Protein backbone atom coordinates (compact mmCIF):
# COMPACT_ATOMS: atom_id res chain seq x y z
CA UNK A 1 120.16 74.37 99.24
CA UNK A 2 120.94 76.10 95.85
CA UNK A 3 121.03 80.15 95.69
CA UNK A 4 117.58 79.87 93.24
CA UNK A 5 115.89 77.45 95.49
CA UNK A 6 116.52 79.75 99.02
CA UNK A 7 115.57 82.51 96.80
CA UNK A 8 111.92 80.61 95.79
CA UNK A 9 111.57 79.62 99.56
CA UNK A 10 112.16 83.22 100.65
CA UNK A 11 109.72 84.56 97.93
CA UNK A 12 107.07 82.04 98.80
CA UNK A 13 107.12 82.91 102.37
CA UNK A 14 107.20 86.57 101.63
CA UNK A 15 103.44 86.21 99.58
CA UNK A 16 102.12 84.16 102.84
CA UNK A 17 103.19 86.60 105.00
CA UNK A 18 101.44 88.95 102.92
CA UNK A 19 98.36 87.28 102.85
CA UNK A 20 98.36 86.98 106.67
CA UNK A 21 99.65 90.61 107.47
CA UNK A 22 96.02 91.56 105.41
CA UNK A 23 94.07 89.47 107.71
CA UNK A 24 95.61 90.76 110.98
CA UNK A 25 95.01 94.06 109.29
CA UNK A 26 91.23 93.74 108.45
CA UNK A 27 91.06 91.86 112.26
CA UNK A 28 92.67 95.41 113.50
CA UNK A 29 90.50 97.84 111.31
CA UNK A 30 87.17 95.61 112.75
CA UNK A 31 88.50 96.79 116.50
CA UNK A 32 89.49 99.85 116.13
CA UNK A 33 85.81 100.68 114.46
CA UNK A 34 84.79 98.71 117.49
CA UNK A 35 86.95 101.37 119.97
CA UNK A 36 85.50 104.28 118.26
CA UNK A 37 89.04 105.07 116.01
CA UNK A 38 86.83 104.48 112.44
CA UNK A 39 88.42 108.10 111.67
CA UNK A 40 91.83 107.75 113.11
CA UNK A 41 93.43 107.50 109.82
CA UNK A 42 96.86 108.82 111.01
CA UNK A 43 96.71 105.66 113.84
CA UNK A 44 95.46 103.46 111.04
CA UNK A 45 98.38 104.32 108.63
CA UNK A 46 100.93 104.12 111.44
CA UNK A 47 99.62 100.61 111.78
CA UNK A 48 99.59 99.21 108.33
CA UNK A 49 103.12 100.25 108.27
CA UNK A 50 104.48 98.60 110.86
CA UNK A 51 102.72 95.49 109.64
CA UNK A 52 104.42 95.81 106.15
CA UNK A 53 107.93 96.20 107.49
CA UNK A 54 107.73 93.21 109.89
CA UNK A 55 106.93 91.08 106.18
CA UNK A 56 109.76 93.45 104.75
CA UNK A 57 111.93 92.48 107.53
CA UNK A 58 110.79 88.84 107.01
CA UNK A 59 113.53 87.45 105.17
CA UNK A 60 115.96 88.78 107.93
CA UNK A 61 114.05 87.46 110.63
CA UNK A 62 114.16 84.16 109.14
CA UNK A 63 117.91 83.98 108.36
CA UNK A 64 118.17 85.04 111.74
CA UNK A 65 116.51 82.49 113.05
CA UNK A 66 117.86 79.38 110.66
CA UNK A 67 121.76 80.56 111.87
CA UNK A 68 120.93 80.53 115.35
CA UNK A 69 119.52 76.99 114.75
CA UNK A 70 122.80 76.45 112.92
CA UNK A 71 125.07 77.69 115.50
CA UNK A 72 123.36 75.68 118.17
CA UNK A 73 122.10 79.25 120.10
CA UNK A 74 118.40 77.21 120.36
CA UNK A 75 117.20 74.25 119.90
CA UNK A 76 114.93 72.57 117.38
CA UNK A 77 111.81 72.13 119.86
CA UNK A 78 112.40 75.75 120.68
CA UNK A 79 111.40 76.69 117.33
CA UNK A 80 107.71 76.08 115.94
CA UNK A 81 106.97 74.90 112.78
CA UNK A 82 103.64 75.11 111.30
CA UNK A 83 104.18 72.35 108.53
CA UNK A 84 104.82 69.75 111.50
CA UNK A 85 101.90 70.80 113.70
CA UNK A 86 99.73 69.75 111.15
CA UNK A 87 101.21 66.64 110.93
CA UNK A 88 100.88 65.91 114.36
CA UNK A 89 96.91 66.90 113.88
CA UNK A 90 96.55 64.21 110.95
CA UNK A 91 98.36 61.54 113.06
CA UNK A 92 96.40 62.63 116.25
CA UNK A 93 93.12 61.91 114.23
CA UNK A 94 91.70 65.59 113.91
CA UNK A 95 92.06 65.73 110.26
CA UNK A 96 90.05 63.32 108.32
CA UNK A 97 91.23 62.66 104.38
CA UNK A 98 93.86 60.06 103.10
CA UNK A 99 97.12 60.24 103.69
CA UNK A 100 98.28 60.05 100.46
CA UNK A 101 96.27 63.62 99.67
CA UNK A 102 96.88 64.81 102.62
CA UNK A 103 101.29 64.43 102.07
CA UNK A 104 100.24 65.94 98.62
CA UNK A 105 99.03 68.86 100.28
CA UNK A 106 101.73 69.80 102.61
CA UNK A 107 104.04 68.76 99.87
CA UNK A 108 103.25 71.12 97.29
CA UNK A 109 105.21 74.13 98.30
CA UNK A 110 108.62 71.60 97.79
CA UNK A 111 107.18 70.44 94.35
CA UNK A 112 106.38 73.63 92.86
CA UNK A 113 109.95 74.94 94.27
CA UNK A 114 111.37 71.98 92.87
CA UNK A 115 109.14 72.58 89.24
CA UNK A 116 110.32 75.96 89.45
CA UNK A 117 113.82 75.38 89.56
CA UNK A 118 114.05 72.64 87.53
CA UNK A 119 112.13 73.62 84.48
CA UNK A 120 110.84 69.92 83.75
CA UNK A 121 106.97 70.02 83.84
CA UNK A 122 104.37 71.58 82.36
CA UNK A 123 103.45 73.56 85.89
CA UNK A 124 106.90 74.45 86.40
CA UNK A 125 107.65 76.26 82.85
CA UNK A 126 103.86 78.11 83.05
CA UNK A 127 104.58 79.59 86.37
CA UNK A 128 108.27 80.55 85.57
CA UNK A 129 107.22 82.26 82.10
CA UNK A 130 104.28 83.87 84.14
CA UNK A 131 106.24 85.17 86.90
CA UNK A 132 109.07 86.28 84.43
CA UNK A 133 106.76 88.02 81.47
CA UNK A 134 105.05 90.07 84.71
CA UNK A 135 107.81 91.15 86.42
CA UNK A 136 109.66 92.22 83.08
CA UNK A 137 106.47 94.08 82.21
CA UNK A 138 105.54 95.97 84.94
CA UNK A 139 109.17 96.74 85.91
CA UNK A 140 109.73 98.25 82.51
CA UNK A 141 106.62 100.07 83.21
CA UNK A 142 108.04 101.54 86.18
CA UNK A 143 111.46 102.54 84.83
CA UNK A 144 109.61 104.32 81.95
CA UNK A 145 107.20 105.90 84.18
CA UNK A 146 110.78 106.81 86.13
CA UNK A 147 112.29 108.30 83.19
CA UNK A 148 109.47 110.19 82.26
CA UNK A 149 108.69 111.57 85.62
CA UNK A 150 112.86 112.70 86.13
CA UNK A 151 112.34 114.23 82.61
CA UNK A 152 109.36 116.90 83.40
CA UNK A 153 111.03 118.02 86.56
CA UNK A 154 114.51 118.40 84.21
CA UNK A 155 112.02 120.70 82.41
CA UNK A 156 110.32 122.51 85.21
CA UNK A 157 111.42 125.30 86.76
CA UNK A 158 113.36 125.98 90.28
CA UNK A 159 111.08 128.35 92.55
CA UNK A 160 111.87 128.18 95.89
CA UNK A 161 114.19 125.57 98.52
CA UNK A 162 113.67 124.66 101.95
CA UNK A 163 116.72 122.44 102.94
CA UNK A 164 116.75 119.68 100.82
CA UNK A 165 113.10 120.05 99.41
CA UNK A 166 112.59 121.85 95.73
CA UNK A 167 109.52 123.59 94.79
CA UNK A 168 109.24 123.25 91.60
CA UNK A 169 106.48 125.08 88.64
CA UNK A 170 105.57 123.20 85.89
CA UNK A 171 103.60 123.96 82.46
CA UNK A 172 102.94 120.84 81.48
CA UNK A 173 101.53 119.09 85.03
CA UNK A 174 98.01 120.20 86.54
CA UNK A 175 97.89 118.12 89.37
CA UNK A 176 100.60 119.18 92.63
CA UNK A 177 102.52 116.03 93.48
CA UNK A 178 105.64 115.38 95.18
CA UNK A 179 108.65 113.03 95.07
CA UNK A 180 112.11 112.67 95.65
CA UNK A 181 115.73 111.53 94.23
CA UNK A 182 118.37 110.12 95.77
CA UNK A 183 119.57 113.56 97.23
CA UNK A 184 116.65 115.93 97.01
CA UNK A 185 112.86 115.87 97.51
CA UNK A 186 110.20 117.69 94.69
CA UNK A 187 107.11 118.91 95.07
CA UNK A 188 106.23 120.23 91.82
CA UNK A 189 103.13 122.93 91.30
CA UNK A 190 101.34 124.08 87.73
CA UNK A 191 102.10 127.18 86.74
CA UNK A 192 98.34 127.65 86.59
CA UNK A 193 97.89 127.29 90.68
CA UNK A 194 99.79 130.60 91.27
CA UNK A 195 96.92 132.63 89.87
CA UNK A 196 94.96 130.76 92.89
CA UNK A 197 96.43 131.87 96.51
CA UNK A 198 94.37 130.09 98.78
CA UNK A 199 94.83 126.70 96.44
CA UNK A 200 98.67 127.35 96.09
CA UNK A 201 99.10 127.24 100.43
CA UNK A 202 96.44 124.45 100.44
CA UNK A 203 98.37 122.01 97.75
CA UNK A 204 101.68 123.26 99.15
CA UNK A 205 100.45 122.25 102.77
CA UNK A 206 99.09 118.91 101.39
CA UNK A 207 102.70 118.12 100.12
CA UNK A 208 104.69 118.86 102.76
CA UNK A 209 102.87 116.68 105.20
CA UNK A 210 102.99 113.57 102.57
CA UNK A 211 106.84 114.38 102.82
CA UNK A 212 106.76 115.08 106.52
CA UNK A 213 104.82 111.03 106.64
CA UNK A 214 107.28 109.64 104.93
CA UNK A 215 104.99 108.81 101.85
CA UNK A 216 107.09 109.38 99.41
CA UNK A 217 109.68 106.95 100.65
CA UNK A 218 106.80 104.38 101.30
CA UNK A 219 105.57 104.95 97.74
CA UNK A 220 108.85 104.30 95.76
CA UNK A 221 109.08 100.82 97.88
CA UNK A 222 105.54 99.83 96.91
CA UNK A 223 106.21 100.74 93.15
CA UNK A 224 109.69 98.64 93.25
CA UNK A 225 108.13 95.74 94.90
CA UNK A 226 105.03 95.59 92.61
CA UNK A 227 106.96 93.82 89.92
CA UNK A 228 107.45 91.10 92.37
CA UNK A 229 103.88 90.46 93.58
CA UNK A 230 102.12 91.82 90.99
CA UNK A 231 99.99 88.66 90.82
CA UNK A 232 99.47 88.20 94.90
CA UNK A 233 96.16 89.93 95.38
CA UNK A 234 96.89 90.62 99.33
CA UNK A 235 99.62 93.05 98.01
CA UNK A 236 97.41 95.12 95.83
CA UNK A 237 95.05 95.48 98.42
CA UNK A 238 97.67 96.30 101.01
CA UNK A 239 99.05 99.32 98.12
CA UNK A 240 95.73 100.54 97.84
CA UNK A 241 94.95 100.57 101.30
CA UNK A 242 98.29 102.38 102.68
CA UNK A 243 97.21 104.75 99.57
CA UNK A 244 93.42 105.48 100.66
CA UNK A 245 95.03 105.80 104.54
CA UNK A 246 97.76 108.29 103.61
CA UNK A 247 95.17 110.63 101.50
CA UNK A 248 92.48 110.50 104.15
CA UNK A 249 95.37 111.41 106.79
CA UNK A 250 97.18 114.00 105.83
CA UNK A 251 93.93 115.74 104.61
CA UNK A 252 92.64 115.56 108.59
CA UNK A 253 96.41 116.64 109.38
CA UNK A 254 96.49 119.58 107.89
CA UNK A 255 92.98 120.70 108.29
CA UNK A 256 93.61 120.25 112.07
CA UNK A 257 97.06 122.05 112.07
CA UNK A 258 96.59 124.48 109.26
CA UNK A 259 93.17 125.52 110.25
CA UNK A 260 92.38 125.40 107.09
CA UNK A 261 87.91 125.74 105.81
CA UNK A 262 87.02 122.26 104.91
CA UNK A 263 84.69 123.74 102.40
CA UNK A 264 87.18 125.48 100.70
CA UNK A 265 89.49 122.79 100.79
CA UNK A 266 86.95 120.37 99.10
CA UNK A 267 86.86 123.01 96.46
CA UNK A 268 90.01 123.17 95.83
CA UNK A 269 90.39 119.49 95.38
CA UNK A 270 87.53 119.39 93.14
CA UNK A 271 88.91 122.40 90.91
CA UNK A 272 92.30 120.22 90.55
CA UNK A 273 90.28 117.23 89.77
CA UNK A 274 88.59 119.01 87.23
CA UNK A 275 91.81 120.47 85.86
CA UNK A 276 93.30 117.27 85.65
CA UNK A 277 90.24 115.29 83.86
CA UNK A 278 90.51 118.16 81.29
CA UNK A 279 94.23 118.19 80.25
CA UNK A 280 94.21 113.64 80.54
CA UNK A 281 97.05 114.42 82.97
CA UNK A 282 98.98 111.57 83.05
CA UNK A 283 99.79 109.82 86.77
CA UNK A 284 104.04 109.50 86.69
CA UNK A 285 105.27 107.17 88.96
CA UNK A 286 106.42 106.86 91.67
CA UNK A 287 105.04 110.46 93.05
CA UNK A 288 102.75 111.19 95.94
CA UNK A 289 100.18 113.19 94.31
CA UNK A 290 97.43 116.31 95.94
CA UNK A 291 94.53 114.20 93.84
CA UNK A 292 95.02 110.57 91.86
CA UNK A 293 93.00 110.80 88.82
CA UNK A 294 93.11 107.62 87.18
CA UNK A 295 91.46 107.82 83.17
CA UNK A 296 91.97 104.02 82.60
CA UNK A 297 88.80 102.13 82.85
CA UNK A 298 90.37 98.82 84.10
CA UNK A 299 91.94 101.21 87.31
CA UNK A 300 90.58 101.48 90.70
CA UNK A 301 87.70 103.61 91.16
CA UNK A 302 89.29 106.96 92.17
CA UNK A 303 86.50 109.14 92.07
CA UNK A 304 84.61 107.20 94.53
CA UNK A 305 87.72 107.88 96.77
CA UNK A 306 87.26 111.35 95.96
CA UNK A 307 83.84 111.73 97.20
CA UNK A 308 84.58 109.44 100.41
CA UNK A 309 87.64 112.20 101.22
CA UNK A 310 85.32 115.07 101.00
CA UNK A 311 82.55 113.42 102.93
CA UNK A 312 84.98 112.63 105.60
CA UNK A 313 86.40 116.10 105.94
CA UNK A 314 82.15 117.90 105.90
CA UNK A 315 81.03 115.02 107.77
CA UNK A 316 83.32 113.95 110.62
CA UNK A 317 84.94 115.58 113.72
CA UNK A 318 88.87 115.54 114.61
CA UNK A 319 88.77 111.84 116.39
CA UNK A 320 90.06 110.97 119.66
CA UNK A 321 93.60 110.30 120.48
CA UNK A 322 94.47 106.61 119.19
CA UNK A 323 98.23 106.51 120.47
CA UNK A 324 97.41 103.98 123.25
CA UNK A 325 94.96 101.44 121.08
CA UNK A 326 97.71 101.76 118.81
CA UNK A 327 100.61 100.55 120.94
CA UNK A 328 97.85 98.32 122.46
CA UNK A 329 96.99 96.20 118.93
CA UNK A 330 100.55 97.14 117.28
CA UNK A 331 102.93 94.60 119.61
CA UNK A 332 100.91 91.34 119.37
CA UNK A 333 100.42 91.84 115.97
CA UNK A 334 103.93 92.63 114.82
CA UNK A 335 104.54 89.75 117.28
CA UNK A 336 101.99 87.40 115.59
CA UNK A 337 103.78 88.34 112.10
CA UNK A 338 107.31 87.35 113.77
CA UNK A 339 105.97 83.94 115.11
CA UNK A 340 104.42 83.51 111.81
CA UNK A 341 107.64 83.99 110.04
CA UNK A 342 109.38 81.80 111.79
CA UNK A 343 106.29 78.53 111.37
CA UNK A 344 105.92 78.97 108.16
CA UNK A 345 109.57 78.14 107.21
CA UNK A 346 110.59 74.48 105.98
CA UNK A 347 110.95 72.13 108.84
CA UNK A 348 114.52 71.10 109.32
CA UNK A 349 114.77 67.56 109.67
CA UNK A 350 113.02 64.34 109.22
CA UNK A 351 110.94 64.38 112.86
CA UNK A 352 109.19 61.12 114.35
CA UNK A 353 105.63 62.14 112.87
CA UNK A 354 107.21 62.69 109.38
CA UNK A 355 108.79 59.19 109.15
CA UNK A 356 105.48 57.90 110.35
CA UNK A 357 103.20 59.62 108.17
CA UNK A 358 106.16 58.70 104.90
CA UNK A 359 104.92 55.17 106.40
CA UNK A 360 101.25 55.50 106.19
CA UNK A 361 101.42 56.90 102.94
CA UNK A 362 103.35 54.05 101.76
CA UNK A 363 101.27 51.78 103.20
CA UNK A 364 98.42 52.80 101.73
CA UNK A 365 100.18 53.48 97.88
CA UNK A 366 100.80 49.66 98.77
CA UNK A 367 97.47 48.74 99.12
CA UNK A 368 96.15 50.35 96.61
CA UNK A 369 98.51 48.18 93.96
CA UNK A 370 97.87 45.00 95.74
CA UNK A 371 93.49 45.29 95.88
CA UNK A 372 92.80 42.94 92.97
CA UNK A 373 90.86 44.86 90.12
CA UNK A 374 87.28 43.07 89.24
C-alpha cells in the first residue's frame, strides 16, 4: 500500500466515522431530551466534543490495531470487519441481489481509491479536481482571514493582562471576541463598549468563559479541518452544532455564576448585534465572538439562533445536573466509535467467504456471456 493510498483510506474512514458520529449524537440528544436534559447545554457540549475527539483519534486507533495485527499481538479472528460481515450475510441469503451488483457495491471504495490514485478515469480526475479546488479555496480563505485577524490585533491597544490572557481595545470592531496565538490568548473589546460598564462586564465574562471552556481551541481546530471536509454534510452539521452549544452553554454558565440579570444580558446581546449590523462588522476566523453576525445571505441563519439564545435564557430555568447521564451515555458512544474505527478498515486478506463470493461472481459473468442472444 502506497503512502497516498494509505492517506486516502484514512480520509475515507474519517468521513464515514463523521457520519456515524453525527447519527450517534442525534440519538444521544434524543435520550437527553427524554431524560429532561434538553437545556443541559454544558453536558451536551462535553458529550459532542468527546465524540468528535474520538473521531479525531481514529487514525491513531486504526494504526494501533494494524500494528497489533502485524506483530501478532491479536489475531484476525478477534478483529471485527464490517465488509466481511456483510459478505457473510449475503452468502447466508439475507441480502437479495445479483452477485455482480453486490460485488460492485462493496468494491466501490477500493475502486474510488484506485481511481483517485491513478487518475486514469473521468471519475477519478473529476473527484480529485473537486477535492483539490475546494481544499485550495478554503485554505486560502482561512489563511487570509487569519492574517486579517492578526493585523487587527496588532492595530488594537493593550489594555490589561491576566496571565497569558490579554485584554485589547479596538476602534475597528463592534463585536467582542476571543482568539489566541501560539503563546497568548486575546479578548478584543470595542472601544465604544467602555462607555457602558454593565455591557463591558457581561461581554468580558462571556469571553472569559469561552476561554475556560476551551472553545477557542476547538474553533481553531474545526476551521483547520474545514478545508478537508468541506463537502461532507456531517462535518458541517457537527461544526454548527458545536458552535451553537458553546454559546448556549456559555450564556447559561455566566448567568448562574455571575448572577447577571437575564433581561439585561439579552439587551446587551441585542445592542451588540445592532452595532455589528450597522458597522457591517466582518467575521474574522478563527475566533469566538460574543454574538455571531452573518451578513452573507447564503450563510446559516444567525438571527434565528440569536432568537433561540434569548428565549432559552428568558424562558428556562437552570437544568439539573447531567453529569451522571453524561458518563452513562459517553462511554458506550465512544466505545461504538472505536469499534466502528476498527470495523470499517479494509479486510486484511481474502477470507473463505470472499473467495466464495468471487467464484459466484465469475460464474454469473460466465453465464451472462454464454446465454445465447435472441
